[in-house]
C-alpha atoms as a PDB file:
ATOM      1  CA  MET A   1     -46.574 126.857 149.737  1.00  0.00           C
ATOM      2  CA  LYS A   2     -44.330 129.921 149.510  1.00  0.00           C
ATOM      3  CA  ASN A   3     -40.609 129.445 150.031  1.00  0.00           C
ATOM      4  CA  ARG A   4     -39.522 131.765 152.630  1.00  0.00           C
ATOM      5  CA  PRO A   5     -35.950 132.895 153.817  1.00  0.00           C
ATOM      6  CA  MET A   6     -34.115 130.021 155.711  1.00  0.00           C
ATOM      7  CA  ASN A   7     -33.398 130.078 159.119  1.00  0.00           C
ATOM      8  CA  LYS A   8     -29.366 130.808 158.635  1.00  0.00           C
ATOM      9  CA  GLU A   9     -28.480 128.723 162.496  1.00  0.00           C
ATOM     10  CA  ARG A  10     -30.435 126.117 161.886  1.00  0.00           C
ATOM     11  CA  ALA A  11     -29.412 125.419 158.281  1.00  0.00           C
ATOM     12  CA  LEU A  12     -25.576 125.222 160.124  1.00  0.00           C
ATOM     13  CA  GLU A  13     -26.929 122.478 162.362  1.00  0.00           C
ATOM     14  CA  TRP A  14     -28.384 121.076 159.635  1.00  0.00           C
ATOM     15  CA  MET A  15     -25.804 121.308 157.203  1.00  0.00           C
ATOM     16  CA  LEU A  16     -22.992 120.042 160.078  1.00  0.00           C
ATOM     17  CA  LYS A  17     -25.226 117.191 160.111  1.00  0.00           C
ATOM     18  CA  LEU A  18     -24.944 116.313 156.544  1.00  0.00           C
ATOM     19  CA  ARG A  19     -21.337 117.117 156.404  1.00  0.00           C
ATOM     20  CA  ASP A  20     -20.884 113.853 159.476  1.00  0.00           C
ATOM     21  CA  CYS A  21     -23.313 111.690 157.003  1.00  0.00           C
ATOM     22  CA  LEU A  22     -20.848 112.114 154.252  1.00  0.00           C
ATOM     23  CA  GLU A  23     -17.702 111.759 155.365  1.00  0.00           C
ATOM     24  CA  GLY A  24     -15.318 109.830 153.488  1.00  0.00           C
ATOM     25  CA  LYS A  25     -17.356 110.777 150.105  1.00  0.00           C
ATOM     26  CA  THR A  26     -16.884 113.568 147.393  1.00  0.00           C
ATOM     27  CA  TRP A  27     -19.411 116.158 147.676  1.00  0.00           C
ATOM     28  CA  SER A  28     -19.505 119.595 146.980  1.00  0.00           C
ATOM     29  CA  LEU A  29     -21.714 122.553 147.751  1.00  0.00           C
ATOM     30  CA  ILE A  30     -23.579 123.449 144.323  1.00  0.00           C
ATOM     31  CA  HIS A  31     -25.720 126.519 142.824  1.00  0.00           C
ATOM     32  CA  GLY A  32     -26.793 129.250 145.673  1.00  0.00           C
ATOM     33  CA  THR A  33     -25.279 127.611 148.658  1.00  0.00           C
ATOM     34  CA  LEU A  34     -22.057 127.731 146.834  1.00  0.00           C
ATOM     35  CA  LEU A  35     -22.785 131.400 146.381  1.00  0.00           C
ATOM     36  CA  GLY A  36     -23.317 132.122 149.409  1.00  0.00           C
ATOM     37  CA  ALA A  37     -19.957 130.196 150.875  1.00  0.00           C
ATOM     38  CA  CYS A  38     -17.592 131.927 148.206  1.00  0.00           C
ATOM     39  CA  ARG A  39     -19.477 135.509 147.794  1.00  0.00           C
ATOM     40  CA  GLU A  40     -20.262 136.180 151.541  1.00  0.00           C
ATOM     41  CA  GLY A  41     -19.177 132.852 153.512  1.00  0.00           C
ATOM     42  CA  ASP A  42     -23.040 132.347 154.216  1.00  0.00           C
ATOM     43  CA  PHE A  43     -26.527 131.720 153.220  1.00  0.00           C
ATOM     44  CA  ILE A  44     -28.169 134.323 150.756  1.00  0.00           C
ATOM     45  CA  ASP A  45     -30.423 136.115 152.838  1.00  0.00           C
ATOM     46  CA  TRP A  46     -33.185 135.266 150.508  1.00  0.00           C
ATOM     47  CA  ASP A  47     -31.865 131.744 149.824  1.00  0.00           C
ATOM     48  CA  PHE A  48     -34.743 129.137 150.679  1.00  0.00           C
ATOM     49  CA  ASP A  49     -33.137 125.957 150.513  1.00  0.00           C
ATOM     50  CA  ILE A  50     -29.435 123.958 150.843  1.00  0.00           C
ATOM     51  CA  ASP A  51     -27.848 122.465 147.721  1.00  0.00           C
ATOM     52  CA  ILE A  52     -25.023 119.786 147.777  1.00  0.00           C
ATOM     53  CA  LEU A  53     -24.233 117.821 144.887  1.00  0.00           C
ATOM     54  CA  LEU A  54     -22.885 114.380 145.522  1.00  0.00           C
ATOM     55  CA  HIS A  55     -20.277 111.881 143.449  1.00  0.00           C
ATOM     56  CA  GLU A  56     -22.134 109.733 141.596  1.00  0.00           C
ATOM     57  CA  LYS A  57     -19.506 106.770 142.828  1.00  0.00           C
ATOM     58  CA  HIS A  58     -21.938 107.150 146.202  1.00  0.00           C
ATOM     59  CA  PHE A  59     -25.184 106.929 144.934  1.00  0.00           C
ATOM     60  CA  GLU A  60     -25.438 103.637 145.372  1.00  0.00           C
ATOM     61  CA  ASP A  61     -25.045 104.360 149.157  1.00  0.00           C
ATOM     62  CA  LEU A  62     -28.099 106.955 148.875  1.00  0.00           C
ATOM     63  CA  GLN A  63     -30.392 105.073 151.336  1.00  0.00           C
ATOM     64  CA  GLY A  64     -27.372 104.692 154.206  1.00  0.00           C
ATOM     65  CA  ILE A  65     -27.562 109.045 153.938  1.00  0.00           C
ATOM     66  CA  VAL A  66     -31.030 108.524 154.620  1.00  0.00           C
ATOM     67  CA  LYS A  67     -30.423 106.595 157.575  1.00  0.00           C
ATOM     68  CA  CYS A  68     -27.480 108.270 158.834  1.00  0.00           C
ATOM     69  CA  LEU A  69     -29.738 111.606 158.527  1.00  0.00           C
ATOM     70  CA  ASN A  70     -32.618 109.823 160.027  1.00  0.00           C
ATOM     71  CA  GLU A  71     -30.240 108.685 163.271  1.00  0.00           C
ATOM     72  CA  LYS A  72     -29.441 112.365 163.480  1.00  0.00           C
ATOM     73  CA  LYS A  73     -33.039 113.773 163.487  1.00  0.00           C
ATOM     74  CA  CYS A  74     -33.247 114.956 159.991  1.00  0.00           C
ATOM     75  CA  LYS A  75     -36.646 113.674 157.970  1.00  0.00           C
ATOM     76  CA  ALA A  76     -34.919 112.758 155.286  1.00  0.00           C
ATOM     77  CA  THR A  77     -36.429 111.024 151.796  1.00  0.00           C
ATOM     78  CA  LEU A  78     -35.100 108.987 148.998  1.00  0.00           C
ATOM     79  CA  PHE A  79     -37.758 109.981 145.661  1.00  0.00           C
ATOM     80  CA  THR A  80     -37.102 109.297 141.841  1.00  0.00           C
ATOM     81  CA  PHE A  81     -38.018 112.639 139.819  1.00  0.00           C
ATOM     82  CA  HIS A  82     -37.605 111.804 136.385  1.00  0.00           C
ATOM     83  CA  GLY A  83     -35.755 108.632 136.395  1.00  0.00           C
ATOM     84  CA  LYS A  84     -33.073 110.313 138.499  1.00  0.00           C
ATOM     85  CA  GLN A  85     -33.094 109.566 142.591  1.00  0.00           C
ATOM     86  CA  PHE A  86     -32.766 112.353 145.258  1.00  0.00           C
ATOM     87  CA  VAL A  87     -32.253 112.401 149.006  1.00  0.00           C
ATOM     88  CA  GLN A  88     -35.171 115.453 150.091  1.00  0.00           C
ATOM     89  CA  ILE A  89     -34.178 116.586 153.792  1.00  0.00           C
ATOM     90  CA  TYR A  90     -36.465 118.567 155.583  1.00  0.00           C
ATOM     91  CA  TRP A  91     -34.910 119.314 159.353  1.00  0.00           C
ATOM     92  CA  LYS A  92     -36.811 122.282 161.008  1.00  0.00           C
ATOM     93  CA  ALA A  93     -38.193 123.615 158.110  1.00  0.00           C
ATOM     94  CA  ILE A  94     -35.344 123.700 156.054  1.00  0.00           C
ATOM     95  CA  PRO A  95     -35.382 122.054 152.843  1.00  0.00           C
ATOM     96  CA  GLY A  96     -32.273 120.757 151.417  1.00  0.00           C
ATOM     97  CA  HIS A  97     -31.457 118.369 148.400  1.00  0.00           C
ATOM     98  CA  ILE A  98     -28.371 115.949 147.494  1.00  0.00           C
ATOM     99  CA  MET A  99     -28.802 117.149 144.039  1.00  0.00           C
ATOM    100  CA  MET A 100     -27.948 114.840 141.197  1.00  0.00           C
ATOM    101  CA  PRO A 101     -27.859 116.986 137.934  1.00  0.00           C
ATOM    102  CA  TRP A 102     -29.688 115.846 134.679  1.00  0.00           C
ATOM    103  CA  LYS A 103     -26.177 116.256 132.825  1.00  0.00           C
ATOM    104  CA  SER A 104     -23.613 113.664 133.836  1.00  0.00           C
ATOM    105  CA  GLU A 105     -21.150 116.458 132.160  1.00  0.00           C
ATOM    106  CA  TYR A 106     -22.186 118.913 134.165  1.00  0.00           C
ATOM    107  CA  ARG A 107     -21.263 116.770 137.296  1.00  0.00           C
ATOM    108  CA  ASN A 108     -18.088 115.674 135.647  1.00  0.00           C
ATOM    109  CA  LYS A 109     -17.348 119.731 135.567  1.00  0.00           C
ATOM    110  CA  PHE A 110     -17.825 120.236 139.048  1.00  0.00           C
ATOM    111  CA  PHE A 111     -15.459 117.114 139.990  1.00  0.00           C
ATOM    112  CA  ALA A 112     -12.656 117.474 137.252  1.00  0.00           C
ATOM    113  CA  GLY A 113      -9.816 118.346 139.657  1.00  0.00           C
ATOM    114  CA  LYS A 114      -8.752 119.033 143.887  1.00  0.00           C
ATOM    115  CA  MET A 115     -11.661 120.138 145.814  1.00  0.00           C
ATOM    116  CA  THR A 116     -10.959 122.763 148.231  1.00  0.00           C
ATOM    117  CA  THR A 117     -13.407 124.383 151.708  1.00  0.00           C
ATOM    118  CA  LYS A 118     -15.291 127.455 151.668  1.00  0.00           C
ATOM    119  CA  THR A 119     -16.180 128.376 154.864  1.00  0.00           C
ATOM    120  CA  ILE A 120     -20.464 129.133 155.789  1.00  0.00           C
ATOM    121  CA  GLN A 121     -20.704 130.947 159.156  1.00  0.00           C
ATOM    122  CA  GLY A 122     -17.372 129.953 160.382  1.00  0.00           C
ATOM    123  CA  GLU A 123     -17.587 126.135 158.971  1.00  0.00           C
ATOM    124  CA  GLU A 124     -15.829 124.282 156.154  1.00  0.00           C
ATOM    125  CA  PHE A 125     -17.054 122.513 153.418  1.00  0.00           C
ATOM    126  CA  PRO A 126     -16.030 121.337 150.486  1.00  0.00           C
ATOM    127  CA  VAL A 127     -16.294 123.085 146.844  1.00  0.00           C
ATOM    128  CA  PRO A 128     -13.977 122.871 143.758  1.00  0.00           C
ATOM    129  CA  GLU A 129     -11.109 124.319 143.428  1.00  0.00           C
ATOM    130  CA  HIS A 130     -12.245 125.962 140.019  1.00  0.00           C
ATOM    131  CA  TRP A 131     -15.299 127.295 142.126  1.00  0.00           C
ATOM    132  CA  GLU A 132     -14.994 130.888 140.226  1.00  0.00           C
ATOM    133  CA  GLU A 133     -15.097 129.512 136.713  1.00  0.00           C
ATOM    134  CA  LEU A 134     -18.087 127.167 137.541  1.00  0.00           C
ATOM    135  CA  LEU A 135     -20.138 130.694 139.349  1.00  0.00           C
ATOM    136  CA  THR A 136     -19.701 132.457 136.516  1.00  0.00           C
ATOM    137  CA  GLU A 137     -20.515 129.729 133.686  1.00  0.00           C
ATOM    138  CA  ARG A 138     -24.011 129.702 135.963  1.00  0.00           C
ATOM    139  CA  TYR A 139     -24.236 133.156 137.294  1.00  0.00           C
ATOM    140  CA  GLY A 140     -22.438 135.238 135.402  1.00  0.00           C
ATOM    141  CA  ASP A 141     -21.385 138.322 137.571  1.00  0.00           C
ATOM    142  CA  TRP A 142     -21.771 136.165 140.784  1.00  0.00           C
ATOM    143  CA  LYS A 143     -20.172 138.848 142.796  1.00  0.00           C
ATOM    144  CA  THR A 144     -23.157 141.281 142.573  1.00  0.00           C
ATOM    145  CA  PRO A 145     -26.143 140.376 144.723  1.00  0.00           C
ATOM    146  CA  VAL A 146     -28.968 139.177 142.291  1.00  0.00           C
ATOM    147  CA  LYS A 147     -32.285 138.501 144.273  1.00  0.00           C
ATOM    148  CA  ILE A 148     -33.459 135.098 143.677  1.00  0.00           C
ATOM    149  CA  LYS A 149     -36.640 136.683 141.471  1.00  0.00           C
ATOM    150  CA  ASP A 150     -34.236 138.722 139.351  1.00  0.00           C
ATOM    151  CA  TRP A 151     -32.586 135.996 138.184  1.00  0.00           C
ATOM    152  CA  ILE A 152     -35.118 133.479 138.188  1.00  0.00           C
ATOM    153  CA  GLU A 153     -36.408 136.188 135.355  1.00  0.00           C
ATOM    154  CA  ASN A 154     -33.226 136.478 134.027  1.00  0.00           C
ATOM    155  CA  MET A 155     -32.485 133.063 132.905  1.00  0.00           C
ATOM    156  CA  ASN A 156     -36.350 133.177 131.639  1.00  0.00           C
ATOM    157  CA  THR A 157     -35.013 135.912 128.923  1.00  0.00           C
ATOM    158  CA  HIS A 158     -32.089 133.857 127.606  1.00  0.00           C
END
């Protein structure tokens, strides 16, 4: 199945439901969702999913998060991939992930320090205070838009 860009209005509705389900938990936008919020104040035009990082201290509540999302009419399931648990969520054909990065040091970098917020379509979402450093480490020149195909090709050459 070919990924297609998300419907941004539906994606924001989904994010607001997710934010409600994660109230009181430590979490952050990550990857392309973080990039879009910081660079554009919106989702990236050609992105096709929403990426969230949840602090490991909340991992034992993944089933509760799934239940909350399902009560909000989001289709959410818990699954294991390479020994790590993920929550896979589909809401009106918008895929998203509550991410648990493979390396704990990566997760530790994200949550090492204070959190702040960035906006997507005027709504605030949590991000690490040192978001510029994290985006530079992941994308290099993150201020210049690069379509995902070009970024993947660049990542495969390094």
